C-alpha atoms as a PDB file:
ATOM      1  CA  MET A   1       0.000   0.000   0.000  1.00  0.00           C
ATOM      2  CA  PRO A   2       1.539   3.363  -0.986  1.00  0.00           C
ATOM      3  CA  LEU A   3       2.443   5.652   1.871  1.00  0.00           C
ATOM      4  CA  ASN A   4       0.492   8.847   2.424  1.00  0.00           C
ATOM      5  CA  SER A   5       2.443  12.068   3.082  1.00  0.00           C
ATOM      6  CA  ASN A   6      -0.066  12.954   5.796  1.00  0.00           C
ATOM      7  CA  ALA A   7       0.463   9.625   7.559  1.00  0.00           C
ATOM      8  CA  PRO A   8       2.034   9.867  11.020  1.00  0.00           C
ATOM      9  CA  ILE A   9       5.633   9.503  12.088  1.00  0.00           C
ATOM     10  CA  GLY A  10       6.070   6.520  14.415  1.00  0.00           C
ATOM     11  CA  VAL A  11       8.325   7.078  17.433  1.00  0.00           C
ATOM     12  CA  PHE A  12       9.140   4.631  20.217  1.00  0.00           C
ATOM     13  CA  ASP A  13      11.288   4.414  23.320  1.00  0.00           C
ATOM     14  CA  SER A  14      11.521   2.352  26.485  1.00  0.00           C
ATOM     15  CA  GLY A  15       9.743   5.189  28.294  1.00  0.00           C
ATOM     16  CA  VAL A  16       9.597   8.984  28.305  1.00  0.00           C
ATOM     17  CA  GLY A  17      13.133   9.518  26.977  1.00  0.00           C
ATOM     18  CA  GLY A  18      11.944   9.559  23.390  1.00  0.00           C
ATOM     19  CA  LEU A  19       9.889  12.636  24.231  1.00  0.00           C
ATOM     20  CA  SER A  20      13.177  14.565  23.932  1.00  0.00           C
ATOM     21  CA  VAL A  21      13.340  13.431  20.294  1.00  0.00           C
ATOM     22  CA  LEU A  22       9.624  14.068  19.797  1.00  0.00           C
ATOM     23  CA  ARG A  23      10.129  17.591  21.175  1.00  0.00           C
ATOM     24  CA  ALA A  24      12.799  18.203  18.518  1.00  0.00           C
ATOM     25  CA  ILE A  25      10.582  16.720  15.787  1.00  0.00           C
ATOM     26  CA  ARG A  26       7.731  19.012  16.866  1.00  0.00           C
ATOM     27  CA  GLY A  27      10.079  21.987  16.801  1.00  0.00           C
ATOM     28  CA  GLN A  28      11.288  21.263  13.275  1.00  0.00           C
ATOM     29  CA  MET A  29       8.130  19.722  11.771  1.00  0.00           C
ATOM     30  CA  PRO A  30       5.077  20.996  13.682  1.00  0.00           C
ATOM     31  CA  GLU A  31       2.830  20.016  10.787  1.00  0.00           C
ATOM     32  CA  GLU A  32       3.567  16.296  11.206  1.00  0.00           C
ATOM     33  CA  SER A  33       1.268  14.016  13.179  1.00  0.00           C
ATOM     34  CA  VAL A  34       2.961  11.448  15.396  1.00  0.00           C
ATOM     35  CA  LEU A  35       2.329   8.095  17.052  1.00  0.00           C
ATOM     36  CA  TYR A  36       4.439   7.766  20.220  1.00  0.00           C
ATOM     37  CA  PHE A  37       4.911   4.461  22.037  1.00  0.00           C
ATOM     38  CA  GLY A  38       6.589   4.433  25.460  1.00  0.00           C
ATOM     39  CA  ASP A  39       7.294   0.867  26.591  1.00  0.00           C
ATOM     40  CA  GLN A  40       7.145   1.809  30.257  1.00  0.00           C
ATOM     41  CA  GLY A  41       6.028  -1.674  31.255  1.00  0.00           C
ATOM     42  CA  HIS A  42       9.522  -2.896  30.383  1.00  0.00           C
ATOM     43  CA  ILE A  43      11.683   0.024  31.459  1.00  0.00           C
ATOM     44  CA  PRO A  44      14.641   0.080  31.743  1.00  0.00           C
ATOM     45  CA  TYR A  45      15.840  -1.643  28.568  1.00  0.00           C
ATOM     46  CA  GLY A  46      19.506  -1.248  29.513  1.00  0.00           C
ATOM     47  CA  PRO A  47      20.013  -4.472  31.530  1.00  0.00           C
ATOM     48  CA  ARG A  48      17.845  -6.665  29.257  1.00  0.00           C
ATOM     49  CA  PRO A  49      19.205  -9.269  26.790  1.00  0.00           C
ATOM     50  CA  MET A  50      19.672  -8.064  23.216  1.00  0.00           C
ATOM     51  CA  ALA A  51      17.310 -10.715  21.819  1.00  0.00           C
ATOM     52  CA  GLN A  52      14.514  -9.560  24.103  1.00  0.00           C
ATOM     53  CA  ILE A  53      14.998  -5.901  23.132  1.00  0.00           C
ATOM     54  CA  GLN A  54      14.845  -7.012  19.491  1.00  0.00           C
ATOM     55  CA  ASP A  55      11.538  -8.785  20.158  1.00  0.00           C
ATOM     56  CA  PHE A  56      10.105  -5.714  21.876  1.00  0.00           C
ATOM     57  CA  SER A  57      11.308  -3.423  19.097  1.00  0.00           C
ATOM     58  CA  GLU A  58       9.935  -5.625  16.318  1.00  0.00           C
ATOM     59  CA  THR A  59       6.523  -5.908  17.983  1.00  0.00           C
ATOM     60  CA  ILE A  60       6.285  -2.163  18.655  1.00  0.00           C
ATOM     61  CA  THR A  61       7.352  -1.426  15.066  1.00  0.00           C
ATOM     62  CA  ARG A  62       4.572  -3.682  13.754  1.00  0.00           C
ATOM     63  CA  PHE A  63       2.100  -1.954  16.068  1.00  0.00           C
ATOM     64  CA  LEU A  64       3.073   1.482  14.700  1.00  0.00           C
ATOM     65  CA  LEU A  65       3.081   0.308  11.078  1.00  0.00           C
ATOM     66  CA  ASP A  66      -0.360  -1.241  11.532  1.00  0.00           C
ATOM     67  CA  ARG A  67      -1.546   2.238  12.537  1.00  0.00           C
ATOM     68  CA  GLY A  68      -0.172   3.784   9.377  1.00  0.00           C
ATOM     69  CA  ALA A  69       3.286   5.058  10.372  1.00  0.00           C
ATOM     70  CA  LYS A  70       5.277   6.248   7.329  1.00  0.00           C
ATOM     71  CA  ILE A  71       8.673   6.160   9.046  1.00  0.00           C
ATOM     72  CA  ILE A  72       9.905   4.719  12.358  1.00  0.00           C
ATOM     73  CA  VAL A  73      12.121   6.712  14.713  1.00  0.00           C
ATOM     74  CA  VAL A  74      13.813   4.448  17.259  1.00  0.00           C
ATOM     75  CA  ALA A  75      14.127   7.182  19.883  1.00  0.00           C
ATOM     76  CA  CYS A  76      16.050   4.983  22.282  1.00  0.00           C
ATOM     77  CA  ASN A  77      19.814   4.479  22.314  1.00  0.00           C
ATOM     78  CA  THR A  78      19.556   1.039  23.894  1.00  0.00           C
ATOM     79  CA  ALA A  79      16.997  -0.194  21.340  1.00  0.00           C
ATOM     80  CA  SER A  80      19.043   1.329  18.508  1.00  0.00           C
ATOM     81  CA  ALA A  81      22.174  -0.447  19.742  1.00  0.00           C
ATOM     82  CA  ALA A  82      20.410  -3.780  20.176  1.00  0.00           C
ATOM     83  CA  ALA A  83      17.830  -3.804  17.409  1.00  0.00           C
ATOM     84  CA  LEU A  84      18.284  -1.189  14.670  1.00  0.00           C
ATOM     85  CA  LYS A  85      20.207  -3.476  12.300  1.00  0.00           C
ATOM     86  CA  TYR A  86      17.746  -6.279  13.027  1.00  0.00           C
ATOM     87  CA  LEU A  87      14.749  -4.010  12.340  1.00  0.00           C
ATOM     88  CA  ARG A  88      16.165  -2.886   8.983  1.00  0.00           C
ATOM     89  CA  GLN A  89      16.640  -6.523   7.984  1.00  0.00           C
ATOM     90  CA  THR A  90      13.161  -7.517   9.217  1.00  0.00           C
ATOM     91  CA  PHE A  91      11.378  -4.554   7.570  1.00  0.00           C
ATOM     92  CA  PRO A  92      13.427  -3.872   4.403  1.00  0.00           C
ATOM     93  CA  ASP A  93      10.785  -1.534   2.928  1.00  0.00           C
ATOM     94  CA  VAL A  94      10.536   0.661   6.036  1.00  0.00           C
ATOM     95  CA  GLN A  95      12.740   3.671   6.721  1.00  0.00           C
ATOM     96  CA  PHE A  96      14.214   3.788  10.218  1.00  0.00           C
ATOM     97  CA  VAL A  97      15.994   6.584  12.048  1.00  0.00           C
ATOM     98  CA  GLY A  98      17.980   5.491  15.073  1.00  0.00           C
ATOM     99  CA  MET A  99      20.156   6.951  17.776  1.00  0.00           C
ATOM    100  CA  GLU A 100      23.923   6.797  17.936  1.00  0.00           C
ATOM    101  CA  PRO A 101      26.024   8.552  20.565  1.00  0.00           C
ATOM    102  CA  ALA A 102      27.292  11.866  19.189  1.00  0.00           C
ATOM    103  CA  VAL A 103      30.951  10.902  19.488  1.00  0.00           C
ATOM    104  CA  LYS A 104      31.820  12.318  16.057  1.00  0.00           C
ATOM    105  CA  PRO A 105      30.872  15.977  16.714  1.00  0.00           C
ATOM    106  CA  ALA A 106      32.369  15.729  20.192  1.00  0.00           C
ATOM    107  CA  ALA A 107      35.676  14.401  18.854  1.00  0.00           C
ATOM    108  CA  GLU A 108      35.753  17.058  16.140  1.00  0.00           C
ATOM    109  CA  ARG A 109      35.203  19.949  18.533  1.00  0.00           C
ATOM    110  CA  THR A 110      37.006  18.984  21.723  1.00  0.00           C
ATOM    111  CA  GLU A 111      39.984  21.145  22.566  1.00  0.00           C
ATOM    112  CA  THR A 112      41.197  19.254  25.630  1.00  0.00           C
ATOM    113  CA  GLY A 113      40.922  15.886  23.873  1.00  0.00           C
ATOM    114  CA  VAL A 114      38.836  14.489  26.743  1.00  0.00           C
ATOM    115  CA  VAL A 115      35.127  13.769  26.249  1.00  0.00           C
ATOM    116  CA  GLY A 116      32.579  12.385  28.718  1.00  0.00           C
ATOM    117  CA  VAL A 117      29.882   9.982  27.508  1.00  0.00           C
ATOM    118  CA  LEU A 118      26.770   9.188  29.563  1.00  0.00           C
ATOM    119  CA  ALA A 119      24.813   6.138  28.370  1.00  0.00           C
ATOM    120  CA  THR A 120      23.298   2.826  29.460  1.00  0.00           C
ATOM    121  CA  PRO A 121      25.376  -0.375  29.736  1.00  0.00           C
ATOM    122  CA  ALA A 122      23.668  -1.860  26.675  1.00  0.00           C
ATOM    123  CA  THR A 123      24.638   1.162  24.566  1.00  0.00           C
ATOM    124  CA  PHE A 124      28.271   0.986  25.651  1.00  0.00           C
ATOM    125  CA  GLN A 125      28.408  -2.765  25.010  1.00  0.00           C
ATOM    126  CA  GLY A 126      26.769  -2.615  21.585  1.00  0.00           C
ATOM    127  CA  ALA A 127      28.468  -2.863  18.213  1.00  0.00           C
ATOM    128  CA  LEU A 128      27.010   0.511  17.175  1.00  0.00           C
ATOM    129  CA  TYR A 129      28.895   2.374  19.896  1.00  0.00           C
ATOM    130  CA  ALA A 130      32.091   0.410  19.210  1.00  0.00           C
ATOM    131  CA  SER A 131      31.837   1.309  15.529  1.00  0.00           C
ATOM    132  CA  VAL A 132      31.332   5.012  16.256  1.00  0.00           C
ATOM    133  CA  VAL A 133      34.318   5.042  18.620  1.00  0.00           C
ATOM    134  CA  GLU A 134      36.525   3.205  16.136  1.00  0.00           C
ATOM    135  CA  ARG A 135      35.618   5.555  13.279  1.00  0.00           C
ATOM    136  CA  PHE A 136      35.614   8.919  15.003  1.00  0.00           C
ATOM    137  CA  ALA A 137      37.372   8.886  18.377  1.00  0.00           C
ATOM    138  CA  ASN A 138      40.992   8.444  17.307  1.00  0.00           C
ATOM    139  CA  GLY A 139      43.227  10.477  19.573  1.00  0.00           C
ATOM    140  CA  VAL A 140      40.354  11.385  21.909  1.00  0.00           C
ATOM    141  CA  GLN A 141      40.029  10.053  25.437  1.00  0.00           C
ATOM    142  CA  LEU A 142      36.458   8.935  26.154  1.00  0.00           C
ATOM    143  CA  LEU A 143      35.341   8.752  29.785  1.00  0.00           C
ATOM    144  CA  GLN A 144      32.201   6.641  30.182  1.00  0.00           C
ATOM    145  CA  HIS A 145      29.561   6.411  32.894  1.00  0.00           C
ATOM    146  CA  THR A 146      26.266   4.486  32.999  1.00  0.00           C
ATOM    147  CA  CYS A 147      24.476   6.757  35.527  1.00  0.00           C
ATOM    148  CA  PRO A 148      22.649   3.925  37.366  1.00  0.00           C
ATOM    149  CA  GLY A 149      19.156   5.005  38.397  1.00  0.00           C
ATOM    150  CA  LEU A 150      19.022   8.165  36.290  1.00  0.00           C
ATOM    151  CA  VAL A 151      16.487   6.817  33.793  1.00  0.00           C
ATOM    152  CA  GLN A 152      14.160   5.865  36.645  1.00  0.00           C
ATOM    153  CA  GLN A 153      14.481   9.338  38.206  1.00  0.00           C
ATOM    154  CA  ILE A 154      13.538  10.983  34.910  1.00  0.00           C
ATOM    155  CA  GLU A 155      10.632   8.553  34.482  1.00  0.00           C
ATOM    156  CA  LYS A 156       9.322   9.888  37.803  1.00  0.00           C
ATOM    157  CA  GLY A 157       9.694  13.462  36.565  1.00  0.00           C
ATOM    158  CA  ASP A 158      12.457  14.170  39.103  1.00  0.00           C
ATOM    159  CA  LEU A 159      14.752  16.335  36.979  1.00  0.00           C
ATOM    160  CA  ASP A 160      16.644  18.237  39.673  1.00  0.00           C
ATOM    161  CA  GLY A 161      16.065  16.587  43.056  1.00  0.00           C
ATOM    162  CA  PRO A 162      18.811  15.469  45.482  1.00  0.00           C
ATOM    163  CA  GLU A 163      18.991  11.876  44.202  1.00  0.00           C
ATOM    164  CA  THR A 164      19.150  12.974  40.564  1.00  0.00           C
ATOM    165  CA  ARG A 165      21.884  15.451  41.507  1.00  0.00           C
ATOM    166  CA  ARG A 166      23.811  12.737  43.377  1.00  0.00           C
ATOM    167  CA  ILE A 167      23.757  10.410  40.357  1.00  0.00           C
ATOM    168  CA  LEU A 168      25.042  13.139  38.040  1.00  0.00           C
ATOM    169  CA  ASP A 169      27.650  14.399  40.512  1.00  0.00           C
ATOM    170  CA  GLU A 170      28.983  10.855  40.794  1.00  0.00           C
ATOM    171  CA  ALA A 171      29.226  10.573  37.000  1.00  0.00           C
ATOM    172  CA  LEU A 172      30.503  14.028  36.106  1.00  0.00           C
ATOM    173  CA  ASN A 173      32.826  15.171  38.888  1.00  0.00           C
ATOM    174  CA  PRO A 174      35.545  12.555  38.158  1.00  0.00           C
ATOM    175  CA  MET A 175      35.301  13.526  34.474  1.00  0.00           C
ATOM    176  CA  LEU A 176      35.722  17.199  35.320  1.00  0.00           C
ATOM    177  CA  GLU A 177      38.855  16.326  37.291  1.00  0.00           C
ATOM    178  CA  LYS A 178      40.242  14.801  34.086  1.00  0.00           C
ATOM    179  CA  ASN A 179      39.544  17.974  32.088  1.00  0.00           C
ATOM    180  CA  ILE A 180      36.581  17.088  29.897  1.00  0.00           C
ATOM    181  CA  ASP A 181      35.275  19.926  27.756  1.00  0.00           C
ATOM    182  CA  THR A 182      32.368  18.039  26.169  1.00  0.00           C
ATOM    183  CA  VAL A 183      29.616  15.747  27.463  1.00  0.00           C
ATOM    184  CA  VAL A 184      27.808  13.411  25.047  1.00  0.00           C
ATOM    185  CA  LEU A 185      24.319  12.292  26.054  1.00  0.00           C
ATOM    186  CA  GLY A 186      23.964   8.691  24.898  1.00  0.00           C
ATOM    187  CA  CYS A 187      20.439   8.131  26.217  1.00  0.00           C
ATOM    188  CA  THR A 188      17.313   9.953  25.079  1.00  0.00           C
ATOM    189  CA  HIS A 189      16.179  10.395  28.688  1.00  0.00           C
ATOM    190  CA  TYR A 190      19.217  12.489  29.574  1.00  0.00           C
ATOM    191  CA  PRO A 191      18.414  15.722  27.659  1.00  0.00           C
ATOM    192  CA  PHE A 192      15.709  16.390  30.236  1.00  0.00           C
ATOM    193  CA  VAL A 193      18.413  16.942  32.858  1.00  0.00           C
ATOM    194  CA  ILE A 194      20.615  19.191  30.697  1.00  0.00           C
ATOM    195  CA  PRO A 195      19.937  22.217  32.968  1.00  0.00           C
ATOM    196  CA  LEU A 196      21.195  20.235  35.964  1.00  0.00           C
ATOM    197  CA  ILE A 197      24.170  18.866  34.012  1.00  0.00           C
ATOM    198  CA  GLU A 198      25.088  22.398  32.960  1.00  0.00           C
ATOM    199  CA  ARG A 199      24.953  23.584  36.567  1.00  0.00           C
ATOM    200  CA  ILE A 200      27.386  20.819  37.514  1.00  0.00           C
ATOM    201  CA  VAL A 201      29.876  21.146  34.637  1.00  0.00           C
ATOM    202  CA  GLY A 202      29.797  24.929  34.211  1.00  0.00           C
ATOM    203  CA  ASP A 203      29.785  27.060  31.082  1.00  0.00           C
ATOM    204  CA  LYS A 204      33.138  25.847  29.712  1.00  0.00           C
ATOM    205  CA  VAL A 205      31.825  22.342  28.997  1.00  0.00           C
ATOM    206  CA  ARG A 206      29.605  21.684  25.966  1.00  0.00           C
ATOM    207  CA  VAL A 207      26.662  19.321  26.365  1.00  0.00           C
ATOM    208  CA  ILE A 208      25.591  17.591  23.151  1.00  0.00           C
ATOM    209  CA  ASP A 209      21.888  16.755  22.826  1.00  0.00           C
ATOM    210  CA  PRO A 210      21.439  14.278  19.931  1.00  0.00           C
ATOM    211  CA  ALA A 211      17.718  14.959  19.479  1.00  0.00           C
ATOM    212  CA  PRO A 212      17.915  17.891  17.003  1.00  0.00           C
ATOM    213  CA  ALA A 213      20.164  15.892  14.646  1.00  0.00           C
ATOM    214  CA  VAL A 214      17.749  12.946  14.746  1.00  0.00           C
ATOM    215  CA  ALA A 215      14.845  15.255  13.918  1.00  0.00           C
ATOM    216  CA  ARG A 216      16.840  16.732  11.006  1.00  0.00           C
ATOM    217  CA  GLN A 217      17.599  13.245   9.646  1.00  0.00           C
ATOM    218  CA  THR A 218      13.917  12.303   9.909  1.00  0.00           C
ATOM    219  CA  LYS A 219      12.996  15.444   8.005  1.00  0.00           C
ATOM    220  CA  ARG A 220      15.601  14.728   5.307  1.00  0.00           C
ATOM    221  CA  LEU A 221      14.321  11.207   4.747  1.00  0.00           C
ATOM    222  CA  LEU A 222      10.702  12.343   4.553  1.00  0.00           C
ATOM    223  CA  GLU A 223      11.585  15.083   2.056  1.00  0.00           C
ATOM    224  CA  ALA A 224      13.682  12.702  -0.045  1.00  0.00           C
ATOM    225  CA  GLY A 225      10.823  10.211  -0.181  1.00  0.00           C
ATOM    226  CA  GLY A 226       8.170  12.816  -0.930  1.00  0.00           C
ATOM    227  CA  LEU A 227       6.534  12.002   2.398  1.00  0.00           C
ATOM    228  CA  LYS A 228       6.713  15.372   4.112  1.00  0.00           C
ATOM    229  CA  SER A 229       3.264  16.379   5.369  1.00  0.00           C
ATOM    230  CA  LEU A 230       1.383  18.760   3.095  1.00  0.00           C
ATOM    231  CA  ASN A 231      -0.194  20.505   6.069  1.00  0.00           C
ATOM    232  CA  GLY A 232       1.575  23.861   6.169  1.00  0.00           C
ATOM    233  CA  ALA A 233       0.901  24.576   9.815  1.00  0.00           C
ATOM    234  CA  ARG A 234      -0.164  22.674  12.883  1.00  0.00           C
ATOM    235  CA  GLY A 235      -3.730  21.662  12.168  1.00  0.00           C
ATOM    236  CA  GLU A 236      -6.081  18.727  12.273  1.00  0.00           C
ATOM    237  CA  HIS A 237      -3.459  16.250  11.073  1.00  0.00           C
ATOM    238  CA  SER A 238      -0.744  17.311  13.491  1.00  0.00           C
ATOM    239  CA  GLU A 239      -1.976  15.634  16.648  1.00  0.00           C
ATOM    240  CA  ILE A 240       0.066  13.189  18.701  1.00  0.00           C
ATOM    241  CA  GLN A 241      -1.374   9.860  19.793  1.00  0.00           C
ATOM    242  CA  PHE A 242       0.426   8.485  22.832  1.00  0.00           C
ATOM    243  CA  TYR A 243       0.598   4.819  23.801  1.00  0.00           C
ATOM    244  CA  THR A 244       2.184   3.278  26.878  1.00  0.00           C
ATOM    245  CA  SER A 245       2.598  -0.254  28.195  1.00  0.00           C
ATOM    246  CA  GLY A 246       2.811   1.278  31.672  1.00  0.00           C
ATOM    247  CA  ASN A 247       0.565   3.665  33.555  1.00  0.00           C
ATOM    248  CA  ALA A 248      -1.318   5.986  31.210  1.00  0.00           C
ATOM    249  CA  GLU A 249      -2.030   8.608  33.863  1.00  0.00           C
ATOM    250  CA  SER A 250       1.636   8.729  34.859  1.00  0.00           C
ATOM    251  CA  LEU A 251       2.693   9.424  31.272  1.00  0.00           C
ATOM    252  CA  ARG A 252      -0.137  11.904  30.737  1.00  0.00           C
ATOM    253  CA  SER A 253       0.907  13.861  33.826  1.00  0.00           C
ATOM    254  CA  LEU A 254       4.513  14.166  32.603  1.00  0.00           C
ATOM    255  CA  LEU A 255       3.706  15.434  29.091  1.00  0.00           C
ATOM    256  CA  PRO A 256       3.374  19.147  29.971  1.00  0.00           C
ATOM    257  CA  LYS A 257       6.645  19.060  31.934  1.00  0.00           C
ATOM    258  CA  LEU A 258       8.712  17.070  29.423  1.00  0.00           C
ATOM    259  CA  LEU A 259       7.089  17.931  26.096  1.00  0.00           C
ATOM    260  CA  GLY A 260       5.277  21.190  26.734  1.00  0.00           C
ATOM    261  CA  GLU A 261       2.075  19.683  25.353  1.00  0.00           C
ATOM    262  CA  GLU A 262      -0.827  17.634  26.620  1.00  0.00           C
ATOM    263  CA  GLY A 263      -2.332  14.594  24.938  1.00  0.00           C
ATOM    264  CA  ALA A 264      -4.506  11.527  25.266  1.00  0.00           C
ATOM    265  CA  VAL A 265      -2.687   8.360  26.313  1.00  0.00           C
ATOM    266  CA  THR A 266      -3.856   4.832  25.497  1.00  0.00           C
ATOM    267  CA  THR A 267      -2.722   1.837  27.543  1.00  0.00           C
ATOM    268  CA  ILE A 268      -1.330  -1.105  25.576  1.00  0.00           C
ATOM    269  CA  LYS A 269      -0.844  -4.475  27.245  1.00  0.00           C
ATOM    270  CA  TRP A 270       1.860  -7.023  26.482  1.00  0.00           C
ATOM    271  CA  GLU A 271       1.029 -10.697  26.116  1.00  0.00           C
ATOM    272  CA  GLY A 272       4.475 -12.295  26.210  1.00  0.00           C
ATOM    273  CA  ASP A 273       7.290 -10.480  24.385  1.00  0.00           C
ATOM    274  CA  LYS A 274       5.754 -10.489  20.922  1.00  0.00           C
ATOM    275  CA  THR A 275       2.065  -9.556  21.224  1.00  0.00           C
ATOM    276  CA  LEU A 276       0.394  -6.256  22.037  1.00  0.00           C
ATOM    277  CA  LYS A 277      -3.264  -5.484  22.623  1.00  0.00           C
ATOM    278  CA  VAL A 278      -5.134  -2.328  23.539  1.00  0.00           C
ATOM    279  CA  GLY A 279      -5.706  -2.365  27.295  1.00  0.00           C
ATOM    280  CA  ASP A 280      -8.394  -0.910  29.497  1.00  0.00           C
END
């Protein structure tokens, strides 16, 4: 079935982190309608086996395609690391945009030669990250930290409380002692704590948010395929439909804080790792 330019963009993440990418997509393409799936019933993805993340990602992709998505944005670094190659093989006719840690721009712009990278264990252990490091990080020292518990704090909407501050202090202060001048955010949840990160690292350290580049790539692919929405301004086709496998009210309550918009949220239930159904 031919794709319709006014069909929605499909976006998914393990939770609310992908809202940072959705926020960038809304900023650059306000005329586009979006389907957003937050797999909050399974968060966090980071410690899970790669095969299971692939199953989740395939099932969510099918769910979004069944609802007419014209492109799929994997707005999750862990899912991109574990499943992006698999998804492209499984759905050869579908265009995917994934996340990769912004090591290249960091390596190009660092003056001290020391760059901090914050990401989940699965992202650091994946072939995608290894490939990026091998291609772009020659001569640059990368300091890595997994920020245990930070995703869960952001899922609760705690963007600047004492525990969130403790986690980031623990990650960033040793990096500052080693003279980093750039911090790469390798998890889509982490842009929501950029203000706190900037308070910790000061104004001489750049913080790289990958979301705008992902939105630009999505826009490029839509334009190249003639699939850019024909709605010139935000109108009847530019709504967002939110789905969660977790608590719908919890997600709904976070939307104004994290996205700056409100929206209806539908609960989706998992039956095993490969079946989804609309919940109550």
